Amino acid sequence: MMLVFCTAVRYSFKRQLEGQVIGDLERVVAHKYNLNIRQAKDAAESARQTIVSQHVLVKLYHEDYTKKVEALVKKLKNPKLSVRKVKALTSKLAKR
């Protein structure tokens, strides 16, 4: 049963990314995977929550990397840094 539910969640996830309406998607999932409507709604909701959490995480990761880059730039402005340290920090900055 869990295998079928997980497959329904993956299917719902893909269809929601394609822009399908959740109400229609629930009926399609219930029919395609032979689930009752509650299970189909749970699968669609689980997929929706995953998409929302991914959007939030992308914003958080972007903010974190922005702060890291700003910190590296601030360190590079220090005139007392050795050539080796400047090269290492520049290499680190290029990776971000």
Foldseek 3Di string as FASTA:
>chain_A
DVVLLVVLLVVLLVVVVVPDDLVVSLVVSCVVSVHPSVSSNVSNVVSVVVVVVVVVVVVVVVVVVVVVLVVLVVVLVDPPDDPVVNVVSVVVNVVD
